[in-house]
Each structure stands twice: as C-alpha cells, then as structure tokens.
Amino acid sequence: MSTYKKIEAVRKTGEVLKYLSSQKDAVTGPELGKAVNLPVGTVMCHLATLEEMGFVQSVGDGYRLGMGLALIWARVKSNLEGDRVRVERDLGAIQ
C-alpha cells in the first residue's frame, strides 16, 4: 500500500475531521484553519463539502461533527459485533 501516491486533499479532510472530533463546542472556520495549519479558504471548501455529505453540521458561525459520521460508526460497530458472534460460535465449536 505504501507504493501508492497519497492524496493531499484527503489528508487535509482527515485533519479537519480529527480536530472537530476533539472539540466539545462548534469551531469557526478561522479557528479550525489555525488549529490544522491550513488557509481559511481551504478549510471552508472542505467544510462545505463535508456539510453537504452530512459529516459536519453548521451551528451558528461554527461547525461540529454531523450525524453522517455516526451512521458510519454504527455500521462499523454492527460489523464488529457480527465478527464477535462468529468468533464466539467458532470457539464454541472447537471446545
């Protein structure tokens, strides 16, 4: 996997999402830009796209994580629970 080219825009989006996930309150575009060391215009473009996708939500003049990420996490959790059930079943079969 390390031989593939990394996409800078995806890295920036990840930084925006990680920072928002660490905040209890909504964060403005300028605050976010300063925190992740990106120009405000770049941050606002990422936020506009993320908001359209439901991954962030605007609150007043700030942004916070949206429910789109919660839906993704719910799917991950469901898959992990299914894996746990299968492993327990397989362990029971070999005991």
PDB file of N, CA and C in Angstrom:
ATOM      1  N   MET A   1       0.829  -1.197   0.000  1.00  0.00           N
ATOM      2  CA  MET A   1       0.000   0.000   0.000  1.00  0.00           C
ATOM      3  C   MET A   1       0.875   1.264   0.000  1.00  0.00           C
ATOM      4  N   SER A   2       2.065   1.203   0.556  1.00  0.00           N
ATOM      5  CA  SER A   2       2.915   2.393   0.659  1.00  0.00           C
ATOM      6  C   SER A   2       3.444   2.858  -0.693  1.00  0.00           C
ATOM      7  N   THR A   3       3.290   2.066  -1.727  1.00  0.00           N
ATOM      8  CA  THR A   3       3.781   2.476  -3.038  1.00  0.00           C
ATOM      9  C   THR A   3       2.797   3.390  -3.756  1.00  0.00           C
ATOM     10  N   TYR A   4       1.583   3.501  -3.231  1.00  0.00           N
ATOM     11  CA  TYR A   4       0.594   4.367  -3.852  1.00  0.00           C
ATOM     12  C   TYR A   4       0.800   5.814  -3.429  1.00  0.00           C
ATOM     13  N   LYS A   5       0.455   6.698  -4.338  1.00  0.00           N
ATOM     14  CA  LYS A   5       0.529   8.129  -4.076  1.00  0.00           C
ATOM     15  C   LYS A   5      -0.550   8.524  -3.070  1.00  0.00           C
ATOM     16  N   LYS A   6      -0.198   9.363  -2.137  1.00  0.00           N
ATOM     17  CA  LYS A   6      -1.164   9.837  -1.156  1.00  0.00           C
ATOM     18  C   LYS A   6      -1.860  11.087  -1.688  1.00  0.00           C
ATOM     19  N   ILE A   7      -3.129  11.239  -1.361  1.00  0.00           N
ATOM     20  CA  ILE A   7      -3.929  12.357  -1.840  1.00  0.00           C
ATOM     21  C   ILE A   7      -3.994  13.415  -0.753  1.00  0.00           C
ATOM     22  N   GLU A   8      -3.411  14.543  -1.024  1.00  0.00           N
ATOM     23  CA  GLU A   8      -3.294  15.622  -0.042  1.00  0.00           C
ATOM     24  C   GLU A   8      -4.658  16.119   0.447  1.00  0.00           C
ATOM     25  N   ALA A   9      -5.633  16.218  -0.443  1.00  0.00           N
ATOM     26  CA  ALA A   9      -6.959  16.707  -0.038  1.00  0.00           C
ATOM     27  C   ALA A   9      -7.602  15.779   0.986  1.00  0.00           C
ATOM     28  N   VAL A  10      -7.385  14.488   0.839  1.00  0.00           N
ATOM     29  CA  VAL A  10      -7.949  13.529   1.799  1.00  0.00           C
ATOM     30  C   VAL A  10      -7.270  13.699   3.149  1.00  0.00           C
ATOM     31  N   ARG A  11      -5.960  13.907   3.149  1.00  0.00           N
ATOM     32  CA  ARG A  11      -5.231  14.131   4.394  1.00  0.00           C
ATOM     33  C   ARG A  11      -5.758  15.373   5.103  1.00  0.00           C
ATOM     34  N   LYS A  12      -5.974  16.439   4.337  1.00  0.00           N
ATOM     35  CA  LYS A  12      -6.487  17.680   4.923  1.00  0.00           C
ATOM     36  C   LYS A  12      -7.881  17.467   5.509  1.00  0.00           C
ATOM     37  N   THR A  13      -8.716  16.752   4.786  1.00  0.00           N
ATOM     38  CA  THR A  13     -10.057  16.464   5.289  1.00  0.00           C
ATOM     39  C   THR A  13      -9.978  15.667   6.582  1.00  0.00           C
ATOM     40  N   GLY A  14      -9.082  14.700   6.619  1.00  0.00           N
ATOM     41  CA  GLY A  14      -8.888  13.912   7.836  1.00  0.00           C
ATOM     42  C   GLY A  14      -8.467  14.778   9.008  1.00  0.00           C
ATOM     43  N   GLU A  15      -7.579  15.733   8.765  1.00  0.00           N
ATOM     44  CA  GLU A  15      -7.146  16.635   9.833  1.00  0.00           C
ATOM     45  C   GLU A  15      -8.311  17.479  10.341  1.00  0.00           C
ATOM     46  N   VAL A  16      -9.139  17.964   9.430  1.00  0.00           N
ATOM     47  CA  VAL A  16     -10.316  18.756   9.811  1.00  0.00           C
ATOM     48  C   VAL A  16     -11.247  17.910  10.680  1.00  0.00           C
ATOM     49  N   LEU A  17     -11.549  16.699  10.237  1.00  0.00           N
ATOM     50  CA  LEU A  17     -12.457  15.833  10.984  1.00  0.00           C
ATOM     51  C   LEU A  17     -11.880  15.437  12.343  1.00  0.00           C
ATOM     52  N   LYS A  18     -10.602  15.109  12.380  1.00  0.00           N
ATOM     53  CA  LYS A  18      -9.975  14.749  13.659  1.00  0.00           C
ATOM     54  C   LYS A  18     -10.039  15.910  14.642  1.00  0.00           C
ATOM     55  N   TYR A  19      -9.756  17.112  14.150  1.00  0.00           N
ATOM     56  CA  TYR A  19      -9.801  18.264  15.052  1.00  0.00           C
ATOM     57  C   TYR A  19     -11.218  18.491  15.557  1.00  0.00           C
ATOM     58  N   LEU A  20     -12.197  18.450  14.658  1.00  0.00           N
ATOM     59  CA  LEU A  20     -13.580  18.649  15.088  1.00  0.00           C
ATOM     60  C   LEU A  20     -13.997  17.589  16.108  1.00  0.00           C
ATOM     61  N   SER A  21     -13.497  16.378  15.947  1.00  0.00           N
ATOM     62  CA  SER A  21     -13.865  15.305  16.878  1.00  0.00           C
ATOM     63  C   SER A  21     -13.289  15.533  18.270  1.00  0.00           C
ATOM     64  N   SER A  22     -12.280  16.369  18.370  1.00  0.00           N
ATOM     65  CA  SER A  22     -11.661  16.627  19.675  1.00  0.00           C
ATOM     66  C   SER A  22     -12.276  17.832  20.388  1.00  0.00           C
ATOM     67  N   GLN A  23     -13.242  18.486  19.748  1.00  0.00           N
ATOM     68  CA  GLN A  23     -13.828  19.704  20.304  1.00  0.00           C
ATOM     69  C   GLN A  23     -15.224  19.441  20.861  1.00  0.00           C
ATOM     70  N   LYS A  24     -15.502  20.029  22.024  1.00  0.00           N
ATOM     71  CA  LYS A  24     -16.836  19.900  22.613  1.00  0.00           C
ATOM     72  C   LYS A  24     -17.815  20.881  21.981  1.00  0.00           C
ATOM     73  N   ASP A  25     -17.335  22.050  21.596  1.00  0.00           N
ATOM     74  CA  ASP A  25     -18.190  23.085  21.033  1.00  0.00           C
ATOM     75  C   ASP A  25     -17.883  23.279  19.551  1.00  0.00           C
ATOM     76  N   ALA A  26     -18.804  23.935  18.864  1.00  0.00           N
ATOM     77  CA  ALA A  26     -18.602  24.254  17.454  1.00  0.00           C
ATOM     78  C   ALA A  26     -17.378  25.152  17.295  1.00  0.00           C
ATOM     79  N   VAL A  27     -16.699  25.027  16.165  1.00  0.00           N
ATOM     80  CA  VAL A  27     -15.466  25.765  15.886  1.00  0.00           C
ATOM     81  C   VAL A  27     -15.661  26.551  14.590  1.00  0.00           C
ATOM     82  N   THR A  28     -15.211  27.802  14.562  1.00  0.00           N
ATOM     83  CA  THR A  28     -15.323  28.613  13.352  1.00  0.00           C
ATOM     84  C   THR A  28     -14.261  28.192  12.333  1.00  0.00           C
ATOM     85  N   GLY A  29     -14.485  28.578  11.081  1.00  0.00           N
ATOM     86  CA  GLY A  29     -13.515  28.296  10.033  1.00  0.00           C
ATOM     87  C   GLY A  29     -12.126  28.845  10.346  1.00  0.00           C
ATOM     88  N   PRO A  30     -12.015  30.120  10.761  1.00  0.00           N
ATOM     89  CA  PRO A  30     -10.690  30.643  11.097  1.00  0.00           C
ATOM     90  C   PRO A  30     -10.020  29.902  12.262  1.00  0.00           C
ATOM     91  N   GLU A  31     -10.784  29.522  13.279  1.00  0.00           N
ATOM     92  CA  GLU A  31     -10.210  28.764  14.402  1.00  0.00           C
ATOM     93  C   GLU A  31      -9.701  27.407  13.920  1.00  0.00           C
ATOM     94  N   LEU A  32     -10.490  26.785  13.077  1.00  0.00           N
ATOM     95  CA  LEU A  32     -10.124  25.481  12.553  1.00  0.00           C
ATOM     96  C   LEU A  32      -8.892  25.574  11.663  1.00  0.00           C
ATOM     97  N   GLY A  33      -8.863  26.589  10.795  1.00  0.00           N
ATOM     98  CA  GLY A  33      -7.700  26.782   9.934  1.00  0.00           C
ATOM     99  C   GLY A  33      -6.420  26.951  10.725  1.00  0.00           C
ATOM    100  N   LYS A  34      -6.492  27.742  11.777  1.00  0.00           N
ATOM    101  CA  LYS A  34      -5.309  27.955  12.627  1.00  0.00           C
ATOM    102  C   LYS A  34      -4.900  26.653  13.313  1.00  0.00           C
ATOM    103  N   ALA A  35      -5.880  25.900  13.779  1.00  0.00           N
ATOM    104  CA  ALA A  35      -5.589  24.666  14.510  1.00  0.00           C
ATOM    105  C   ALA A  35      -4.935  23.603  13.636  1.00  0.00           C
ATOM    106  N   VAL A  36      -5.340  23.523  12.374  1.00  0.00           N
ATOM    107  CA  VAL A  36      -4.793  22.482  11.491  1.00  0.00           C
ATOM    108  C   VAL A  36      -3.782  23.043  10.492  1.00  0.00           C
ATOM    109  N   ASN A  37      -3.441  24.313  10.664  1.00  0.00           N
ATOM    110  CA  ASN A  37      -2.420  24.958   9.837  1.00  0.00           C
ATOM    111  C   ASN A  37      -2.772  24.932   8.344  1.00  0.00           C
ATOM    112  N   LEU A  38      -4.020  25.336   8.048  1.00  0.00           N
ATOM    113  CA  LEU A  38      -4.477  25.427   6.662  1.00  0.00           C
ATOM    114  C   LEU A  38      -5.118  26.794   6.442  1.00  0.00           C
ATOM    115  N   PRO A  39      -5.062  27.319   5.215  1.00  0.00           N
ATOM    116  CA  PRO A  39      -5.730  28.585   4.923  1.00  0.00           C
ATOM    117  C   PRO A  39      -7.238  28.474   5.161  1.00  0.00           C
ATOM    118  N   VAL A  40      -7.836  29.557   5.613  1.00  0.00           N
ATOM    119  CA  VAL A  40      -9.269  29.568   5.912  1.00  0.00           C
ATOM    120  C   VAL A  40     -10.084  29.177   4.679  1.00  0.00           C
ATOM    121  N   GLY A  41      -9.702  29.664   3.509  1.00  0.00           N
ATOM    122  CA  GLY A  41     -10.426  29.321   2.287  1.00  0.00           C
ATOM    123  C   GLY A  41     -10.423  27.824   2.022  1.00  0.00           C
ATOM    124  N   THR A  42      -9.293  27.186   2.238  1.00  0.00           N
ATOM    125  CA  THR A  42      -9.187  25.738   2.065  1.00  0.00           C
ATOM    126  C   THR A  42     -10.089  25.022   3.057  1.00  0.00           C
ATOM    127  N   VAL A  43     -10.036  25.448   4.307  1.00  0.00           N
ATOM    128  CA  VAL A  43     -10.863  24.844   5.358  1.00  0.00           C
ATOM    129  C   VAL A  43     -12.338  25.003   5.018  1.00  0.00           C
ATOM    130  N   MET A  44     -12.732  26.184   4.556  1.00  0.00           N
ATOM    131  CA  MET A  44     -14.139  26.430   4.247  1.00  0.00           C
ATOM    132  C   MET A  44     -14.615  25.561   3.078  1.00  0.00           C
ATOM    133  N   CYS A  45     -13.755  25.333   2.095  1.00  0.00           N
ATOM    134  CA  CYS A  45     -14.117  24.442   0.986  1.00  0.00           C
ATOM    135  C   CYS A  45     -14.329  23.016   1.493  1.00  0.00           C
ATOM    136  N   HIS A  46     -13.451  22.562   2.371  1.00  0.00           N
ATOM    137  CA  HIS A  46     -13.609  21.229   2.951  1.00  0.00           C
ATOM    138  C   HIS A  46     -14.886  21.161   3.780  1.00  0.00           C
ATOM    139  N   LEU A  47     -15.130  22.182   4.582  1.00  0.00           N
ATOM    140  CA  LEU A  47     -16.331  22.191   5.420  1.00  0.00           C
ATOM    141  C   LEU A  47     -17.608  22.195   4.586  1.00  0.00           C
ATOM    142  N   ALA A  48     -17.618  22.952   3.495  1.00  0.00           N
ATOM    143  CA  ALA A  48     -18.806  23.000   2.631  1.00  0.00           C
ATOM    144  C   ALA A  48     -19.112  21.619   2.067  1.00  0.00           C
ATOM    145  N   THR A  49     -18.086  20.915   1.639  1.00  0.00           N
ATOM    146  CA  THR A  49     -18.280  19.572   1.089  1.00  0.00           C
ATOM    147  C   THR A  49     -18.696  18.598   2.184  1.00  0.00           C
ATOM    148  N   LEU A  50     -18.031  18.664   3.317  1.00  0.00           N
ATOM    149  CA  LEU A  50     -18.361  17.774   4.431  1.00  0.00           C
ATOM    150  C   LEU A  50     -19.774  18.024   4.949  1.00  0.00           C
ATOM    151  N   GLU A  51     -20.197  19.278   4.938  1.00  0.00           N
ATOM    152  CA  GLU A  51     -21.561  19.593   5.378  1.00  0.00           C
ATOM    153  C   GLU A  51     -22.581  19.012   4.394  1.00  0.00           C
ATOM    154  N   GLU A  52     -22.304  19.139   3.115  1.00  0.00           N
ATOM    155  CA  GLU A  52     -23.200  18.585   2.093  1.00  0.00           C
ATOM    156  C   GLU A  52     -23.351  17.074   2.250  1.00  0.00           C
ATOM    157  N   MET A  53     -22.289  16.417   2.696  1.00  0.00           N
ATOM    158  CA  MET A  53     -22.299  14.968   2.881  1.00  0.00           C
ATOM    159  C   MET A  53     -22.866  14.549   4.233  1.00  0.00           C
ATOM    160  N   GLY A  54     -23.134  15.517   5.106  1.00  0.00           N
ATOM    161  CA  GLY A  54     -23.670  15.212   6.434  1.00  0.00           C
ATOM    162  C   GLY A  54     -22.610  14.872   7.458  1.00  0.00           C
ATOM    163  N   PHE A  55     -21.332  15.052   7.111  1.00  0.00           N
ATOM    164  CA  PHE A  55     -20.254  14.716   8.027  1.00  0.00           C
ATOM    165  C   PHE A  55     -19.951  15.824   9.015  1.00  0.00           C
ATOM    166  N   VAL A  56     -20.298  17.065   8.676  1.00  0.00           N
ATOM    167  CA  VAL A  56     -20.231  18.176   9.620  1.00  0.00           C
ATOM    168  C   VAL A  56     -21.549  18.937   9.560  1.00  0.00           C
ATOM    169  N   GLN A  57     -21.784  19.698  10.595  1.00  0.00           N
ATOM    170  CA  GLN A  57     -23.024  20.468  10.709  1.00  0.00           C
ATOM    171  C   GLN A  57     -22.647  21.892  11.111  1.00  0.00           C
ATOM    172  N   SER A  58     -23.262  22.868  10.453  1.00  0.00           N
ATOM    173  CA  SER A  58     -23.009  24.256  10.859  1.00  0.00           C
ATOM    174  C   SER A  58     -23.916  24.584  12.038  1.00  0.00           C
ATOM    175  N   VAL A  59     -23.334  25.287  12.998  1.00  0.00           N
ATOM    176  CA  VAL A  59     -24.046  25.713  14.199  1.00  0.00           C
ATOM    177  C   VAL A  59     -23.669  27.164  14.422  1.00  0.00           C
ATOM    178  N   GLY A  60     -24.599  28.068  14.165  1.00  0.00           N
ATOM    179  CA  GLY A  60     -24.263  29.492  14.248  1.00  0.00           C
ATOM    180  C   GLY A  60     -23.184  29.809  13.241  1.00  0.00           C
ATOM    181  N   ASP A  61     -22.065  30.355  13.715  1.00  0.00           N
ATOM    182  CA  ASP A  61     -20.953  30.661  12.808  1.00  0.00           C
ATOM    183  C   ASP A  61     -19.850  29.606  12.891  1.00  0.00           C
ATOM    184  N   GLY A  62     -20.151  28.472  13.526  1.00  0.00           N
ATOM    185  CA  GLY A  62     -19.161  27.415  13.680  1.00  0.00           C
ATOM    186  C   GLY A  62     -19.617  26.102  13.081  1.00  0.00           C
ATOM    187  N   TYR A  63     -18.785  25.090  13.258  1.00  0.00           N
ATOM    188  CA  TYR A  63     -19.046  23.749  12.725  1.00  0.00           C
ATOM    189  C   TYR A  63     -18.710  22.712  13.774  1.00  0.00           C
ATOM    190  N   ARG A  64     -19.461  21.598  13.717  1.00  0.00           N
ATOM    191  CA  ARG A  64     -19.182  20.444  14.559  1.00  0.00           C
ATOM    192  C   ARG A  64     -19.451  19.192  13.737  1.00  0.00           C
ATOM    193  N   LEU A  65     -19.076  18.049  14.273  1.00  0.00           N
ATOM    194  CA  LEU A  65     -19.324  16.808  13.557  1.00  0.00           C
ATOM    195  C   LEU A  65     -20.814  16.607  13.352  1.00  0.00           C
ATOM    196  N   GLY A  66     -21.167  16.021  12.215  1.00  0.00           N
ATOM    197  CA  GLY A  66     -22.565  15.755  11.890  1.00  0.00           C
ATOM    198  C   GLY A  66     -22.925  14.292  12.082  1.00  0.00           C
ATOM    199  N   MET A  67     -24.165  13.979  11.848  1.00  0.00           N
ATOM    200  CA  MET A  67     -24.666  12.626  12.059  1.00  0.00           C
ATOM    201  C   MET A  67     -24.189  11.633  10.997  1.00  0.00           C
ATOM    202  N   GLY A  68     -23.711  12.108   9.868  1.00  0.00           N
ATOM    203  CA  GLY A  68     -23.218  11.200   8.832  1.00  0.00           C
ATOM    204  C   GLY A  68     -22.114  10.298   9.343  1.00  0.00           C
ATOM    205  N   LEU A  69     -21.254  10.841  10.197  1.00  0.00           N
ATOM    206  CA  LEU A  69     -20.180  10.030  10.767  1.00  0.00           C
ATOM    207  C   LEU A  69     -20.722   9.038  11.780  1.00  0.00           C
ATOM    208  N   ALA A  70     -21.775   9.404  12.489  1.00  0.00           N
ATOM    209  CA  ALA A  70     -22.390   8.484  13.447  1.00  0.00           C
ATOM    210  C   ALA A  70     -22.971   7.274  12.718  1.00  0.00           C
ATOM    211  N   LEU A  71     -23.548   7.511  11.543  1.00  0.00           N
ATOM    212  CA  LEU A  71     -24.102   6.394  10.771  1.00  0.00           C
ATOM    213  C   LEU A  71     -23.003   5.444  10.303  1.00  0.00           C
ATOM    214  N   ILE A  72     -21.867   6.001   9.928  1.00  0.00           N
ATOM    215  CA  ILE A  72     -20.733   5.159   9.530  1.00  0.00           C
ATOM    216  C   ILE A  72     -20.250   4.350  10.726  1.00  0.00           C
ATOM    217  N   TRP A  73     -20.104   5.001  11.881  1.00  0.00           N
ATOM    218  CA  TRP A  73     -19.660   4.299  13.076  1.00  0.00           C
ATOM    219  C   TRP A  73     -20.645   3.198  13.459  1.00  0.00           C
ATOM    220  N   ALA A  74     -21.941   3.446  13.322  1.00  0.00           N
ATOM    221  CA  ALA A  74     -22.936   2.428  13.645  1.00  0.00           C
ATOM    222  C   ALA A  74     -22.735   1.192  12.771  1.00  0.00           C
ATOM    223  N   ARG A  75     -22.411   1.387  11.500  1.00  0.00           N
ATOM    224  CA  ARG A  75     -22.161   0.258  10.603  1.00  0.00           C
ATOM    225  C   ARG A  75     -20.894  -0.489  11.017  1.00  0.00           C
ATOM    226  N   VAL A  76     -19.839   0.236  11.363  1.00  0.00           N
ATOM    227  CA  VAL A  76     -18.592  -0.402  11.816  1.00  0.00           C
ATOM    228  C   VAL A  76     -18.865  -1.226  13.071  1.00  0.00           C
ATOM    229  N   LYS A  77     -19.579  -0.644  14.013  1.00  0.00           N
ATOM    230  CA  LYS A  77     -19.891  -1.338  15.274  1.00  0.00           C
ATOM    231  C   LYS A  77     -20.706  -2.594  15.002  1.00  0.00           C
ATOM    232  N   SER A  78     -21.685  -2.500  14.127  1.00  0.00           N
ATOM    233  CA  SER A  78     -22.506  -3.658  13.777  1.00  0.00           C
ATOM    234  C   SER A  78     -21.652  -4.769  13.166  1.00  0.00           C
ATOM    235  N   ASN A  79     -20.735  -4.401  12.285  1.00  0.00           N
ATOM    236  CA  ASN A  79     -19.846  -5.390  11.676  1.00  0.00           C
ATOM    237  C   ASN A  79     -18.958  -6.054  12.721  1.00  0.00           C
ATOM    238  N   LEU A  80     -18.432  -5.261  13.653  1.00  0.00           N
ATOM    239  CA  LEU A  80     -17.580  -5.808  14.710  1.00  0.00           C
ATOM    240  C   LEU A  80     -18.363  -6.750  15.619  1.00  0.00           C
ATOM    241  N   GLU A  81     -19.598  -6.379  15.927  1.00  0.00           N
ATOM    242  CA  GLU A  81     -20.430  -7.260  16.752  1.00  0.00           C
ATOM    243  C   GLU A  81     -20.720  -8.570  16.028  1.00  0.00           C
ATOM    244  N   GLY A  82     -20.947  -8.501  14.731  1.00  0.00           N
ATOM    245  CA  GLY A  82     -21.151  -9.713  13.940  1.00  0.00           C
ATOM    246  C   GLY A  82     -19.906 -10.588  13.937  1.00  0.00           C
ATOM    247  N   ASP A  83     -18.730  -9.955  13.836  1.00  0.00           N
ATOM    248  CA  ASP A  83     -17.471 -10.702  13.898  1.00  0.00           C
ATOM    249  C   ASP A  83     -17.322 -11.397  15.247  1.00  0.00           C
ATOM    250  N   ARG A  84     -17.668 -10.697  16.318  1.00  0.00           N
ATOM    251  CA  ARG A  84     -17.552 -11.261  17.667  1.00  0.00           C
ATOM    252  C   ARG A  84     -18.448 -12.486  17.810  1.00  0.00           C
ATOM    253  N   VAL A  85     -19.671 -12.392  17.305  1.00  0.00           N
ATOM    254  CA  VAL A  85     -20.605 -13.521  17.382  1.00  0.00           C
ATOM    255  C   VAL A  85     -20.046 -14.716  16.611  1.00  0.00           C
ATOM    256  N   ARG A  86     -19.497 -14.490  15.423  1.00  0.00           N
ATOM    257  CA  ARG A  86     -18.927 -15.581  14.627  1.00  0.00           C
ATOM    258  C   ARG A  86     -17.733 -16.216  15.335  1.00  0.00           C
ATOM    259  N   VAL A  87     -16.867 -15.395  15.926  1.00  0.00           N
ATOM    260  CA  VAL A  87     -15.693 -15.922  16.635  1.00  0.00           C
ATOM    261  C   VAL A  87     -16.139 -16.745  17.839  1.00  0.00           C
ATOM    262  N   GLU A  88     -17.108 -16.247  18.595  1.00  0.00           N
ATOM    263  CA  GLU A  88     -17.605 -16.998  19.755  1.00  0.00           C
ATOM    264  C   GLU A  88     -18.213 -18.337  19.317  1.00  0.00           C
ATOM    265  N   ARG A  89     -18.944 -18.323  18.211  1.00  0.00           N
ATOM    266  CA  ARG A  89     -19.549 -19.546  17.696  1.00  0.00           C
ATOM    267  C   ARG A  89     -18.453 -20.542  17.290  1.00  0.00           C
ATOM    268  N   ASP A  90     -17.429 -20.027  16.580  1.00  0.00           N
ATOM    269  CA  ASP A  90     -16.337 -20.897  16.131  1.00  0.00           C
ATOM    270  C   ASP A  90     -15.553 -21.453  17.313  1.00  0.00           C
ATOM    271  N   LEU A  91     -15.331 -20.636  18.335  1.00  0.00           N
ATOM    272  CA  LEU A  91     -14.617 -21.103  19.531  1.00  0.00           C
ATOM    273  C   LEU A  91     -15.429 -22.181  20.251  1.00  0.00           C
ATOM    274  N   GLY A  92     -16.745 -21.965  20.308  1.00  0.00           N
ATOM    275  CA  GLY A  92     -17.604 -22.979  20.929  1.00  0.00           C
ATOM    276  C   GLY A  92     -17.565 -24.295  20.196  1.00  0.00           C
ATOM    277  N   ALA A  93     -17.425 -24.236  18.885  1.00  0.00           N
ATOM    278  CA  ALA A  93     -17.404 -25.465  18.077  1.00  0.00           C
ATOM    279  C   ALA A  93     -16.136 -26.261  18.278  1.00  0.00           C
ATOM    280  N   ILE A  94     -15.027 -25.597  18.612  1.00  0.00           N
ATOM    281  CA  ILE A  94     -13.758 -26.331  18.760  1.00  0.00           C
ATOM    282  C   ILE A  94     -13.471 -26.725  20.203  1.00  0.00           C
ATOM    283  N   GLN A  95     -14.304 -26.325  21.128  1.00  0.00           N
ATOM    284  CA  GLN A  95     -14.056 -26.672  22.535  1.00  0.00           C
ATOM    285  C   GLN A  95     -14.673 -27.968  22.904  1.00  0.00           C
TER     286      GLN A  95
END
